Amino acid sequence: MYKKILFCAAMALMILSGCNSGNSGNKAASPAATPSASASSPTFDEVLKTRRSIRSYDASKKITEAEVRTLLTAVQEAPSWANFQPSKYYVAIGKEKLEAVQNLVGGNKDRIINAPVLIVSTFEKGKSGFFDGKALNEIGEGWGAYDNGLSNCYLIMQARAMGFDTLIMGMRDSDGLRKEFNIPAEETVMAVIALGYRSGEPKQPGHRPFDEVVKFF
């Protein structure tokens, strides 16, 4: 009789233990209790839908040099003519350089004053669209600008995937930037890109009707 009681008690403990383990597993599987759930990478569609040209930045949030290096390493995956990779970037992250670039973007200064990073994009001339020093078609150096645009597209999309925000600025003093960063004459200065965190939620911009921009034949 005593052995039967011990056997029943042992079985009861095993059943209770199994129930507790099952409950623990359910809790671990719930999104709220999983630390990685909130830190998961956004989908590409989420990146496309949430990226905006941000004109007001949160001054309390900073970006490290290591994070910018991670960002620009991803940008190197961008395609280019014959893989010439003509795009180059000059990063202002220190106080002195940031202030210098802020004064070289015209009316955009007030919009990007709190952005913790400003990036100047350029492309090397005579590479994309050229062979043996001659342009292969009427686009000429436009192919270098095209490739730089592709690289910049990778930059702003990867930035958004990392939780950052951007503003591409074509209004800039190219001569002033060339002097500030000692950019060689063989490079064309394109845009200045602000990098930071949005201070509020921007409105969804309107788009042209699909049939105005896409034609099927």
N, C-alpha and C. Protein backbone atom coordinates (compact mmCIF):
# COMPACT_ATOMS: atom_id res chain seq x y z
N MET A 1 0.83 -1.21 0.00
CA MET A 1 0.00 0.00 0.00
C MET A 1 0.87 1.27 0.00
N TYR A 2 1.92 1.24 0.83
CA TYR A 2 2.82 2.38 0.94
C TYR A 2 3.51 2.67 -0.40
N LYS A 3 3.90 1.57 -1.09
CA LYS A 3 4.56 1.73 -2.40
C LYS A 3 3.62 2.34 -3.43
N LYS A 4 2.32 1.94 -3.36
CA LYS A 4 1.34 2.49 -4.29
C LYS A 4 1.16 3.99 -4.09
N ILE A 5 1.16 4.41 -2.83
CA ILE A 5 1.01 5.84 -2.52
C ILE A 5 2.18 6.63 -3.07
N LEU A 6 3.41 6.11 -2.87
CA LEU A 6 4.61 6.79 -3.38
C LEU A 6 4.58 6.89 -4.90
N PHE A 7 4.14 5.77 -5.55
CA PHE A 7 4.06 5.75 -7.01
C PHE A 7 3.08 6.80 -7.52
N CYS A 8 1.91 6.91 -6.89
CA CYS A 8 0.90 7.90 -7.29
C CYS A 8 1.40 9.32 -7.09
N ALA A 9 2.11 9.55 -5.98
CA ALA A 9 2.65 10.88 -5.69
C ALA A 9 3.68 11.29 -6.75
N ALA A 10 4.52 10.32 -7.13
CA ALA A 10 5.54 10.60 -8.15
C ALA A 10 4.90 10.94 -9.49
N MET A 11 3.85 10.19 -9.84
CA MET A 11 3.16 10.45 -11.10
C MET A 11 2.52 11.84 -11.10
N ALA A 12 1.93 12.20 -9.98
CA ALA A 12 1.30 13.52 -9.86
C ALA A 12 2.31 14.64 -10.05
N LEU A 13 3.50 14.49 -9.45
CA LEU A 13 4.55 15.50 -9.59
C LEU A 13 5.00 15.63 -11.05
N MET A 14 5.09 14.50 -11.75
CA MET A 14 5.50 14.53 -13.16
C MET A 14 4.47 15.26 -14.01
N ILE A 15 3.19 15.01 -13.74
CA ILE A 15 2.13 15.67 -14.50
C ILE A 15 2.13 17.17 -14.26
N LEU A 16 2.27 17.55 -12.97
CA LEU A 16 2.32 18.99 -12.64
C LEU A 16 3.51 19.67 -13.29
N SER A 17 4.65 18.96 -13.28
CA SER A 17 5.86 19.51 -13.89
C SER A 17 5.66 19.73 -15.39
N GLY A 18 5.00 18.77 -16.04
CA GLY A 18 4.71 18.89 -17.47
C GLY A 18 3.81 20.06 -17.77
N CYS A 19 2.81 20.30 -16.93
CA CYS A 19 1.89 21.42 -17.13
C CYS A 19 2.61 22.74 -17.00
N ASN A 20 3.50 22.84 -15.99
CA ASN A 20 4.24 24.09 -15.78
C ASN A 20 5.16 24.38 -16.95
N SER A 21 5.80 23.31 -17.48
CA SER A 21 6.69 23.50 -18.62
C SER A 21 5.91 23.98 -19.83
N GLY A 22 4.73 23.45 -20.03
CA GLY A 22 3.90 23.86 -21.16
C GLY A 22 3.49 25.30 -21.05
N ASN A 23 3.15 25.75 -19.85
CA ASN A 23 2.76 27.15 -19.65
C ASN A 23 3.93 28.07 -19.91
N SER A 24 5.13 27.65 -19.45
CA SER A 24 6.32 28.48 -19.67
C SER A 24 6.59 28.63 -21.15
N GLY A 25 6.39 27.55 -21.89
CA GLY A 25 6.62 27.60 -23.34
C GLY A 25 5.67 28.55 -24.00
N ASN A 26 4.42 28.57 -23.58
CA ASN A 26 3.44 29.48 -24.17
C ASN A 26 3.81 30.92 -23.91
N LYS A 27 4.28 31.20 -22.69
CA LYS A 27 4.67 32.58 -22.37
C LYS A 27 5.85 33.03 -23.21
N ALA A 28 6.82 32.14 -23.40
CA ALA A 28 8.00 32.50 -24.19
C ALA A 28 7.64 32.75 -25.64
N ALA A 29 6.60 32.09 -26.10
CA ALA A 29 6.22 32.23 -27.50
C ALA A 29 5.41 33.47 -27.78
N SER A 30 4.86 34.09 -26.75
CA SER A 30 4.03 35.27 -26.96
C SER A 30 4.90 36.45 -27.37
N PRO A 31 4.49 37.27 -28.33
CA PRO A 31 5.29 38.38 -28.84
C PRO A 31 5.72 39.35 -27.75
N ALA A 32 4.84 39.60 -26.78
CA ALA A 32 5.13 40.58 -25.74
C ALA A 32 6.28 40.14 -24.87
N ALA A 33 6.47 38.80 -24.73
CA ALA A 33 7.50 38.30 -23.85
C ALA A 33 8.79 37.97 -24.60
N THR A 34 8.83 38.16 -25.88
CA THR A 34 10.01 37.85 -26.68
C THR A 34 10.80 39.12 -26.97
N PRO A 35 12.01 39.26 -26.37
CA PRO A 35 12.79 40.49 -26.55
C PRO A 35 13.08 40.80 -28.00
N SER A 36 13.26 39.76 -28.83
CA SER A 36 13.65 39.99 -30.23
C SER A 36 12.48 40.45 -31.09
N ALA A 37 11.25 40.33 -30.57
CA ALA A 37 10.09 40.68 -31.39
C ALA A 37 10.10 42.14 -31.79
N SER A 38 10.40 43.02 -30.84
CA SER A 38 10.38 44.45 -31.13
C SER A 38 11.63 44.89 -31.90
N ALA A 39 12.68 44.06 -31.84
CA ALA A 39 13.94 44.42 -32.48
C ALA A 39 14.09 43.78 -33.86
N SER A 40 13.06 43.11 -34.34
CA SER A 40 13.16 42.44 -35.62
C SER A 40 13.25 43.46 -36.75
N SER A 41 13.92 43.06 -37.83
CA SER A 41 14.09 43.95 -38.97
C SER A 41 12.76 44.17 -39.68
N PRO A 42 12.53 45.38 -40.19
CA PRO A 42 11.28 45.63 -40.93
C PRO A 42 11.32 44.93 -42.28
N THR A 43 10.16 44.67 -42.84
CA THR A 43 10.10 44.10 -44.17
C THR A 43 10.44 45.19 -45.18
N PHE A 44 10.73 44.78 -46.42
CA PHE A 44 11.04 45.77 -47.45
C PHE A 44 9.84 46.67 -47.71
N ASP A 45 8.64 46.11 -47.69
CA ASP A 45 7.44 46.92 -47.88
C ASP A 45 7.30 47.97 -46.79
N GLU A 46 7.64 47.60 -45.56
CA GLU A 46 7.57 48.55 -44.44
C GLU A 46 8.58 49.68 -44.63
N VAL A 47 9.76 49.33 -45.14
CA VAL A 47 10.77 50.36 -45.41
C VAL A 47 10.25 51.33 -46.47
N LEU A 48 9.68 50.79 -47.54
CA LEU A 48 9.16 51.64 -48.62
C LEU A 48 8.05 52.56 -48.13
N LYS A 49 7.17 52.02 -47.30
CA LYS A 49 5.99 52.77 -46.88
C LYS A 49 6.28 53.79 -45.77
N THR A 50 7.33 53.57 -45.00
CA THR A 50 7.61 54.48 -43.88
C THR A 50 8.72 55.48 -44.18
N ARG A 51 9.48 55.26 -45.25
CA ARG A 51 10.53 56.23 -45.59
C ARG A 51 9.91 57.54 -46.04
N ARG A 52 10.43 58.62 -45.53
CA ARG A 52 9.98 59.96 -45.90
C ARG A 52 11.19 60.89 -46.00
N SER A 53 11.04 61.98 -46.71
CA SER A 53 12.06 63.03 -46.71
C SER A 53 11.79 63.89 -45.48
N ILE A 54 12.65 63.75 -44.48
CA ILE A 54 12.40 64.37 -43.18
C ILE A 54 13.05 65.75 -43.09
N ARG A 55 12.25 66.71 -42.69
CA ARG A 55 12.73 68.09 -42.61
C ARG A 55 12.72 68.66 -41.20
N SER A 56 12.70 67.76 -40.21
CA SER A 56 12.79 68.16 -38.80
C SER A 56 13.32 66.97 -38.01
N TYR A 57 14.45 67.17 -37.29
CA TYR A 57 15.12 66.06 -36.61
C TYR A 57 15.13 66.21 -35.10
N ASP A 58 15.15 65.06 -34.42
CA ASP A 58 15.16 65.01 -32.96
C ASP A 58 16.58 65.26 -32.46
N ALA A 59 16.78 66.40 -31.81
CA ALA A 59 18.12 66.79 -31.35
C ALA A 59 18.65 65.91 -30.23
N SER A 60 17.78 65.18 -29.57
CA SER A 60 18.20 64.36 -28.42
C SER A 60 18.77 63.01 -28.85
N LYS A 61 18.62 62.64 -30.12
CA LYS A 61 19.06 61.33 -30.58
C LYS A 61 20.29 61.45 -31.47
N LYS A 62 21.30 60.64 -31.18
CA LYS A 62 22.55 60.67 -31.92
C LYS A 62 22.77 59.38 -32.70
N ILE A 63 23.71 59.42 -33.63
CA ILE A 63 24.09 58.26 -34.43
C ILE A 63 25.60 58.12 -34.32
N THR A 64 26.09 56.92 -34.07
CA THR A 64 27.52 56.71 -33.89
C THR A 64 28.24 56.50 -35.22
N GLU A 65 29.54 56.67 -35.18
CA GLU A 65 30.35 56.42 -36.38
C GLU A 65 30.22 54.96 -36.80
N ALA A 66 30.16 54.06 -35.83
CA ALA A 66 30.03 52.63 -36.14
C ALA A 66 28.73 52.36 -36.90
N GLU A 67 27.66 53.03 -36.52
CA GLU A 67 26.39 52.85 -37.23
C GLU A 67 26.46 53.39 -38.65
N VAL A 68 27.14 54.51 -38.84
CA VAL A 68 27.30 55.06 -40.19
C VAL A 68 28.15 54.13 -41.04
N ARG A 69 29.17 53.54 -40.44
CA ARG A 69 30.00 52.58 -41.18
C ARG A 69 29.18 51.37 -41.63
N THR A 70 28.32 50.89 -40.75
CA THR A 70 27.43 49.77 -41.11
C THR A 70 26.52 50.16 -42.26
N LEU A 71 25.98 51.36 -42.19
CA LEU A 71 25.09 51.87 -43.23
C LEU A 71 25.80 51.95 -44.58
N LEU A 72 26.96 52.56 -44.60
CA LEU A 72 27.66 52.77 -45.87
C LEU A 72 28.30 51.49 -46.40
N THR A 73 28.54 50.52 -45.54
CA THR A 73 29.00 49.22 -46.01
C THR A 73 27.89 48.55 -46.82
N ALA A 74 26.66 48.69 -46.36
CA ALA A 74 25.52 48.14 -47.10
C ALA A 74 25.34 48.85 -48.44
N VAL A 75 25.64 50.13 -48.48
CA VAL A 75 25.50 50.91 -49.71
C VAL A 75 26.44 50.40 -50.80
N GLN A 76 27.53 49.79 -50.41
CA GLN A 76 28.48 49.28 -51.40
C GLN A 76 27.90 48.13 -52.22
N GLU A 77 26.74 47.62 -51.82
CA GLU A 77 26.08 46.56 -52.59
C GLU A 77 25.32 47.12 -53.79
N ALA A 78 25.23 48.44 -53.91
CA ALA A 78 24.47 49.05 -55.01
C ALA A 78 25.10 48.71 -56.36
N PRO A 79 24.27 48.53 -57.40
CA PRO A 79 24.80 48.24 -58.73
C PRO A 79 25.41 49.49 -59.37
N SER A 80 26.30 49.29 -60.32
CA SER A 80 26.88 50.41 -61.07
C SER A 80 27.35 49.90 -62.42
N TRP A 81 27.56 50.83 -63.33
CA TRP A 81 28.00 50.50 -64.70
C TRP A 81 29.31 49.70 -64.63
N ALA A 82 29.29 48.47 -65.16
CA ALA A 82 30.47 47.60 -65.21
C ALA A 82 31.15 47.46 -63.85
N ASN A 83 30.37 47.65 -62.80
CA ASN A 83 30.88 47.57 -61.42
C ASN A 83 32.03 48.56 -61.16
N PHE A 84 31.96 49.74 -61.81
CA PHE A 84 32.99 50.75 -61.60
C PHE A 84 32.90 51.37 -60.20
N GLN A 85 31.72 51.34 -59.59
CA GLN A 85 31.52 51.88 -58.24
C GLN A 85 32.08 53.30 -58.12
N PRO A 86 31.50 54.25 -58.89
CA PRO A 86 32.05 55.60 -58.91
C PRO A 86 31.66 56.47 -57.71
N SER A 87 30.68 56.04 -56.93
CA SER A 87 30.19 56.88 -55.84
C SER A 87 31.15 56.93 -54.66
N LYS A 88 31.26 58.11 -54.07
CA LYS A 88 32.09 58.30 -52.88
C LYS A 88 31.31 59.14 -51.87
N TYR A 89 31.66 59.00 -50.60
CA TYR A 89 30.93 59.71 -49.54
C TYR A 89 31.87 60.37 -48.56
N TYR A 90 31.50 61.58 -48.16
CA TYR A 90 32.26 62.35 -47.18
C TYR A 90 31.32 62.64 -46.01
N VAL A 91 31.70 62.13 -44.83
CA VAL A 91 30.80 62.15 -43.68
C VAL A 91 31.18 63.23 -42.67
N ALA A 92 30.23 64.12 -42.41
CA ALA A 92 30.41 65.13 -41.37
C ALA A 92 29.67 64.63 -40.13
N ILE A 93 30.44 64.31 -39.09
CA ILE A 93 29.84 63.80 -37.87
C ILE A 93 30.35 64.56 -36.63
N GLY A 94 31.48 65.24 -36.79
CA GLY A 94 32.01 66.06 -35.71
C GLY A 94 31.36 67.45 -35.72
N LYS A 95 31.36 68.12 -34.59
CA LYS A 95 30.67 69.41 -34.44
C LYS A 95 31.13 70.45 -35.45
N GLU A 96 32.45 70.56 -35.64
CA GLU A 96 32.99 71.58 -36.55
C GLU A 96 32.56 71.35 -38.00
N LYS A 97 32.67 70.11 -38.46
CA LYS A 97 32.28 69.81 -39.85
C LYS A 97 30.78 69.93 -40.05
N LEU A 98 30.01 69.52 -39.05
CA LEU A 98 28.55 69.63 -39.16
C LEU A 98 28.14 71.08 -39.34
N GLU A 99 28.71 71.96 -38.55
CA GLU A 99 28.38 73.38 -38.65
C GLU A 99 28.80 73.94 -40.00
N ALA A 100 29.94 73.47 -40.50
CA ALA A 100 30.41 73.96 -41.80
C ALA A 100 29.44 73.55 -42.91
N VAL A 101 28.99 72.30 -42.90
CA VAL A 101 28.08 71.82 -43.94
C VAL A 101 26.70 72.46 -43.79
N GLN A 102 26.27 72.69 -42.57
CA GLN A 102 24.97 73.35 -42.34
C GLN A 102 24.91 74.70 -43.05
N ASN A 103 26.05 75.36 -43.14
CA ASN A 103 26.11 76.67 -43.77
C ASN A 103 26.29 76.60 -45.28
N LEU A 104 26.27 75.37 -45.83
CA LEU A 104 26.49 75.20 -47.26
C LEU A 104 25.30 74.54 -47.96
N VAL A 105 24.14 74.50 -47.27
CA VAL A 105 22.96 73.87 -47.87
C VAL A 105 21.80 74.86 -48.04
N GLY A 106 22.13 76.13 -48.13
CA GLY A 106 21.12 77.15 -48.40
C GLY A 106 19.95 77.14 -47.44
N GLY A 107 18.74 77.20 -48.00
CA GLY A 107 17.53 77.28 -47.20
C GLY A 107 17.20 76.02 -46.42
N ASN A 108 17.95 74.95 -46.64
CA ASN A 108 17.71 73.71 -45.90
C ASN A 108 18.34 73.72 -44.50
N LYS A 109 19.11 74.72 -44.20
CA LYS A 109 19.84 74.74 -42.92
C LYS A 109 18.92 74.53 -41.73
N ASP A 110 17.84 75.31 -41.66
CA ASP A 110 16.94 75.19 -40.51
C ASP A 110 16.26 73.83 -40.44
N ARG A 111 16.12 73.18 -41.58
CA ARG A 111 15.46 71.87 -41.60
C ARG A 111 16.33 70.75 -41.07
N ILE A 112 17.65 70.89 -41.25
CA ILE A 112 18.55 69.79 -40.88
C ILE A 112 19.48 70.17 -39.72
N ILE A 113 19.18 71.27 -39.05
CA ILE A 113 20.06 71.80 -38.00
C ILE A 113 20.30 70.77 -36.89
N ASN A 114 19.34 69.90 -36.63
CA ASN A 114 19.49 68.92 -35.55
C ASN A 114 19.88 67.52 -36.03
N ALA A 115 20.14 67.37 -37.32
CA ALA A 115 20.58 66.07 -37.83
C ALA A 115 22.00 65.80 -37.34
N PRO A 116 22.25 64.65 -36.73
CA PRO A 116 23.58 64.39 -36.16
C PRO A 116 24.65 63.99 -37.17
N VAL A 117 24.22 63.72 -38.41
CA VAL A 117 25.18 63.33 -39.46
C VAL A 117 24.76 63.97 -40.78
N LEU A 118 25.73 64.50 -41.52
CA LEU A 118 25.50 65.03 -42.86
C LEU A 118 26.50 64.37 -43.80
N ILE A 119 26.00 63.83 -44.90
CA ILE A 119 26.85 63.06 -45.81
C ILE A 119 26.84 63.69 -47.20
N VAL A 120 28.03 63.96 -47.73
CA VAL A 120 28.17 64.52 -49.07
C VAL A 120 28.43 63.37 -50.03
N SER A 121 27.62 63.28 -51.10
CA SER A 121 27.83 62.22 -52.10
C SER A 121 28.44 62.80 -53.36
N THR A 122 29.38 62.07 -53.93
CA THR A 122 30.04 62.49 -55.18
C THR A 122 30.18 61.26 -56.08
N PHE A 123 30.56 61.51 -57.34
CA PHE A 123 30.94 60.39 -58.19
C PHE A 123 32.18 60.75 -59.00
N GLU A 124 32.99 59.75 -59.26
CA GLU A 124 34.21 59.93 -60.03
C GLU A 124 33.87 60.01 -61.51
N LYS A 125 34.32 61.06 -62.17
CA LYS A 125 34.02 61.29 -63.59
C LYS A 125 34.83 60.35 -64.49
N GLY A 126 34.28 60.13 -65.70
CA GLY A 126 35.00 59.34 -66.68
C GLY A 126 34.99 57.84 -66.44
N LYS A 127 34.10 57.36 -65.60
CA LYS A 127 34.02 55.91 -65.33
C LYS A 127 32.72 55.33 -65.89
N SER A 128 31.63 55.54 -65.21
CA SER A 128 30.35 54.99 -65.69
C SER A 128 29.98 55.61 -67.03
N GLY A 129 29.70 54.75 -68.03
CA GLY A 129 29.33 55.23 -69.36
C GLY A 129 30.51 55.50 -70.27
N PHE A 130 31.72 55.18 -69.82
CA PHE A 130 32.92 55.47 -70.60
C PHE A 130 33.73 54.19 -70.88
N PHE A 131 34.44 54.22 -72.01
CA PHE A 131 35.36 53.14 -72.35
C PHE A 131 36.56 53.75 -73.07
N ASP A 132 37.74 53.48 -72.58
CA ASP A 132 38.97 54.07 -73.12
C ASP A 132 38.88 55.59 -73.17
N GLY A 133 38.26 56.16 -72.14
CA GLY A 133 38.19 57.61 -72.02
C GLY A 133 37.13 58.27 -72.86
N LYS A 134 36.32 57.50 -73.57
CA LYS A 134 35.29 58.07 -74.44
C LYS A 134 33.90 57.64 -73.98
N ALA A 135 32.96 58.60 -74.06
CA ALA A 135 31.58 58.30 -73.70
C ALA A 135 30.99 57.31 -74.70
N LEU A 136 30.28 56.31 -74.21
CA LEU A 136 29.72 55.28 -75.08
C LEU A 136 28.39 55.67 -75.69
N ASN A 137 27.73 56.67 -75.15
CA ASN A 137 26.50 57.18 -75.75
C ASN A 137 26.27 58.61 -75.32
N GLU A 138 25.12 59.17 -75.74
CA GLU A 138 24.85 60.60 -75.53
C GLU A 138 24.66 60.99 -74.06
N ILE A 139 24.48 60.01 -73.18
CA ILE A 139 24.26 60.32 -71.76
C ILE A 139 25.55 60.80 -71.09
N GLY A 140 26.67 60.27 -71.53
CA GLY A 140 27.97 60.71 -71.00
C GLY A 140 28.07 60.59 -69.49
N GLU A 141 28.46 61.70 -68.84
CA GLU A 141 28.63 61.71 -67.38
C GLU A 141 27.31 61.50 -66.64
N GLY A 142 26.21 61.57 -67.38
CA GLY A 142 24.92 61.33 -66.74
C GLY A 142 24.85 59.93 -66.13
N TRP A 143 25.62 58.98 -66.69
CA TRP A 143 25.63 57.64 -66.12
C TRP A 143 26.30 57.62 -64.75
N GLY A 144 27.26 58.48 -64.53
CA GLY A 144 27.87 58.58 -63.20
C GLY A 144 26.88 59.11 -62.19
N ALA A 145 26.10 60.12 -62.63
CA ALA A 145 25.06 60.67 -61.76
C ALA A 145 23.99 59.62 -61.49
N TYR A 146 23.67 58.82 -62.52
CA TYR A 146 22.69 57.74 -62.39
C TYR A 146 23.15 56.73 -61.34
N ASP A 147 24.41 56.31 -61.45
CA ASP A 147 24.94 55.34 -60.49
C ASP A 147 24.98 55.92 -59.08
N ASN A 148 25.29 57.21 -58.97
CA ASN A 148 25.30 57.84 -57.66
C ASN A 148 23.88 57.85 -57.07
N GLY A 149 22.90 58.06 -57.94
CA GLY A 149 21.51 58.02 -57.48
C GLY A 149 21.13 56.64 -56.97
N LEU A 150 21.61 55.60 -57.66
CA LEU A 150 21.35 54.24 -57.19
C LEU A 150 21.96 54.01 -55.82
N SER A 151 23.20 54.46 -55.65
CA SER A 151 23.87 54.30 -54.35
C SER A 151 23.13 55.07 -53.27
N ASN A 152 22.70 56.27 -53.60
CA ASN A 152 21.97 57.07 -52.61
C ASN A 152 20.62 56.45 -52.26
N CYS A 153 20.01 55.78 -53.24
CA CYS A 153 18.76 55.07 -52.96
C CYS A 153 19.02 53.94 -51.97
N TYR A 154 20.09 53.18 -52.18
CA TYR A 154 20.44 52.14 -51.21
C TYR A 154 20.67 52.76 -49.84
N LEU A 155 21.31 53.93 -49.82
CA LEU A 155 21.62 54.59 -48.54
C LEU A 155 20.34 54.93 -47.77
N ILE A 156 19.39 55.59 -48.43
CA ILE A 156 18.20 56.03 -47.70
C ILE A 156 17.31 54.85 -47.32
N MET A 157 17.30 53.79 -48.12
CA MET A 157 16.50 52.62 -47.78
C MET A 157 17.13 51.85 -46.62
N GLN A 158 18.44 51.66 -46.67
CA GLN A 158 19.12 50.97 -45.56
C GLN A 158 19.03 51.79 -44.29
N ALA A 159 19.11 53.12 -44.42
CA ALA A 159 18.97 53.98 -43.25
C ALA A 159 17.61 53.77 -42.59
N ARG A 160 16.57 53.71 -43.41
CA ARG A 160 15.23 53.51 -42.85
C ARG A 160 15.11 52.13 -42.20
N ALA A 161 15.73 51.11 -42.82
CA ALA A 161 15.71 49.77 -42.25
C ALA A 161 16.40 49.73 -40.89
N MET A 162 17.36 50.64 -40.68
CA MET A 162 18.07 50.72 -39.40
C MET A 162 17.36 51.63 -38.41
N GLY A 163 16.23 52.22 -38.83
CA GLY A 163 15.48 53.09 -37.93
C GLY A 163 15.81 54.56 -38.06
N PHE A 164 16.65 54.92 -39.05
CA PHE A 164 17.05 56.31 -39.26
C PHE A 164 16.16 56.99 -40.30
N ASP A 165 16.33 58.30 -40.43
CA ASP A 165 15.61 59.08 -41.43
C ASP A 165 16.59 59.93 -42.21
N THR A 166 16.17 60.37 -43.39
CA THR A 166 17.08 61.08 -44.29
C THR A 166 16.39 62.22 -45.04
N LEU A 167 17.21 63.09 -45.58
CA LEU A 167 16.75 64.12 -46.51
C LEU A 167 17.86 64.33 -47.53
N ILE A 168 17.55 64.09 -48.80
CA ILE A 168 18.53 64.33 -49.87
C ILE A 168 18.38 65.77 -50.33
N MET A 169 19.47 66.52 -50.32
CA MET A 169 19.42 67.94 -50.66
C MET A 169 20.27 68.25 -51.89
N GLY A 170 19.63 68.79 -52.91
CA GLY A 170 20.34 69.21 -54.11
C GLY A 170 20.74 70.67 -54.02
N MET A 171 20.13 71.39 -53.09
CA MET A 171 20.47 72.79 -52.88
C MET A 171 21.69 72.85 -51.96
N ARG A 172 22.86 73.05 -52.55
CA ARG A 172 24.11 73.05 -51.79
C ARG A 172 25.17 73.84 -52.54
N ASP A 173 26.20 74.27 -51.84
CA ASP A 173 27.31 75.02 -52.42
C ASP A 173 28.42 74.01 -52.74
N SER A 174 28.48 73.59 -54.01
CA SER A 174 29.44 72.54 -54.37
C SER A 174 30.89 73.00 -54.20
N ASP A 175 31.17 74.25 -54.52
CA ASP A 175 32.53 74.75 -54.36
C ASP A 175 32.93 74.77 -52.89
N GLY A 176 32.01 75.21 -52.05
CA GLY A 176 32.29 75.25 -50.61
C GLY A 176 32.51 73.85 -50.05
N LEU A 177 31.70 72.89 -50.49
CA LEU A 177 31.85 71.51 -50.02
C LEU A 177 33.16 70.91 -50.52
N ARG A 178 33.51 71.23 -51.76
CA ARG A 178 34.76 70.71 -52.33
C ARG A 178 35.96 71.19 -51.50
N LYS A 179 35.92 72.45 -51.10
CA LYS A 179 37.01 73.01 -50.31
C LYS A 179 37.01 72.43 -48.90
N GLU A 180 35.84 72.30 -48.31
CA GLU A 180 35.72 71.82 -46.92
C GLU A 180 36.22 70.39 -46.76
N PHE A 181 35.97 69.54 -47.75
CA PHE A 181 36.35 68.13 -47.66
C PHE A 181 37.52 67.76 -48.56
N ASN A 182 38.10 68.76 -49.20
CA ASN A 182 39.23 68.53 -50.10
C ASN A 182 38.87 67.50 -51.18
N ILE A 183 37.71 67.69 -51.78
CA ILE A 183 37.22 66.79 -52.81
C ILE A 183 37.95 67.09 -54.12
N PRO A 184 38.57 66.09 -54.73
CA PRO A 184 39.34 66.33 -55.95
C PRO A 184 38.48 66.74 -57.15
N ALA A 185 39.10 67.40 -58.10
CA ALA A 185 38.40 67.90 -59.28
C ALA A 185 37.84 66.76 -60.12
N GLU A 186 38.38 65.57 -59.98
CA GLU A 186 37.93 64.42 -60.77
C GLU A 186 36.57 63.89 -60.29
N GLU A 187 36.04 64.48 -59.21
CA GLU A 187 34.75 64.04 -58.68
C GLU A 187 33.71 65.15 -58.83
N THR A 188 32.50 64.76 -59.18
CA THR A 188 31.38 65.70 -59.26
C THR A 188 30.60 65.64 -57.95
N VAL A 189 30.43 66.80 -57.33
CA VAL A 189 29.65 66.86 -56.09
C VAL A 189 28.17 66.79 -56.44
N MET A 190 27.47 65.84 -55.84
CA MET A 190 26.05 65.69 -56.12
C MET A 190 25.20 66.24 -54.98
N ALA A 191 24.86 65.41 -54.01
CA ALA A 191 23.91 65.81 -52.97
C ALA A 191 24.53 65.83 -51.58
N VAL A 192 23.84 66.50 -50.67
CA VAL A 192 24.12 66.38 -49.24
C VAL A 192 22.93 65.65 -48.64
N ILE A 193 23.22 64.62 -47.85
CA ILE A 193 22.16 63.80 -47.27
C ILE A 193 22.18 63.93 -45.75
N ALA A 194 21.08 64.41 -45.19
CA ALA A 194 20.95 64.49 -43.74
C ALA A 194 20.56 63.11 -43.21
N LEU A 195 21.13 62.74 -42.06
CA LEU A 195 20.85 61.45 -41.44
C LEU A 195 20.56 61.67 -39.96
N GLY A 196 19.42 61.17 -39.51
CA GLY A 196 19.05 61.35 -38.11
C GLY A 196 17.76 60.63 -37.78
N TYR A 197 17.05 61.17 -36.78
CA TYR A 197 15.76 60.61 -36.36
C TYR A 197 14.68 61.68 -36.49
N ARG A 198 13.57 61.33 -37.08
CA ARG A 198 12.45 62.27 -37.25
C ARG A 198 11.95 62.76 -35.90
N SER A 199 11.55 64.03 -35.85
CA SER A 199 11.02 64.59 -34.61
C SER A 199 9.50 64.50 -34.56
N GLY A 200 8.88 64.06 -35.64
CA GLY A 200 7.43 63.89 -35.68
C GLY A 200 7.07 63.04 -36.88
N GLU A 201 5.80 62.74 -37.03
CA GLU A 201 5.37 61.91 -38.15
C GLU A 201 4.93 62.79 -39.33
N PRO A 202 5.62 62.71 -40.45
CA PRO A 202 5.27 63.51 -41.63
C PRO A 202 4.03 62.95 -42.32
N LYS A 203 3.41 63.79 -43.13
CA LYS A 203 2.22 63.36 -43.86
C LYS A 203 2.61 62.50 -45.06
N GLN A 204 1.70 61.65 -45.47
CA GLN A 204 1.90 60.83 -46.66
C GLN A 204 1.79 61.73 -47.89
N PRO A 205 2.82 61.78 -48.73
CA PRO A 205 2.75 62.63 -49.93
C PRO A 205 1.85 62.03 -51.00
N GLY A 206 1.35 62.87 -51.86
CA GLY A 206 0.53 62.37 -52.96
C GLY A 206 1.40 61.86 -54.09
N HIS A 207 0.83 61.06 -54.97
CA HIS A 207 1.57 60.52 -56.10
C HIS A 207 0.77 60.72 -57.39
N ARG A 208 1.48 60.84 -58.48
CA ARG A 208 0.83 60.96 -59.77
C ARG A 208 0.06 59.68 -60.07
N PRO A 209 -1.00 59.78 -60.85
CA PRO A 209 -1.74 58.57 -61.23
C PRO A 209 -0.82 57.56 -61.90
N PHE A 210 -1.00 56.30 -61.57
CA PHE A 210 -0.15 55.22 -62.08
C PHE A 210 -0.04 55.24 -63.61
N ASP A 211 -1.17 55.43 -64.29
CA ASP A 211 -1.19 55.36 -65.76
C ASP A 211 -0.47 56.54 -66.42
N GLU A 212 -0.15 57.57 -65.64
CA GLU A 212 0.61 58.70 -66.19
C GLU A 212 2.09 58.40 -66.25
N VAL A 213 2.53 57.47 -65.41
CA VAL A 213 3.98 57.22 -65.32
C VAL A 213 4.38 55.83 -65.81
N VAL A 214 3.40 54.96 -66.05
CA VAL A 214 3.69 53.60 -66.52
C VAL A 214 2.90 53.32 -67.79
N LYS A 215 3.58 52.85 -68.82
CA LYS A 215 2.93 52.49 -70.08
C LYS A 215 3.27 51.05 -70.44
N PHE A 216 2.25 50.27 -70.75
CA PHE A 216 2.43 48.89 -71.19
C PHE A 216 2.16 48.78 -72.70
N PHE A 217 2.96 47.98 -73.39
CA PHE A 217 2.80 47.81 -74.84
C PHE A 217 2.75 46.33 -75.19
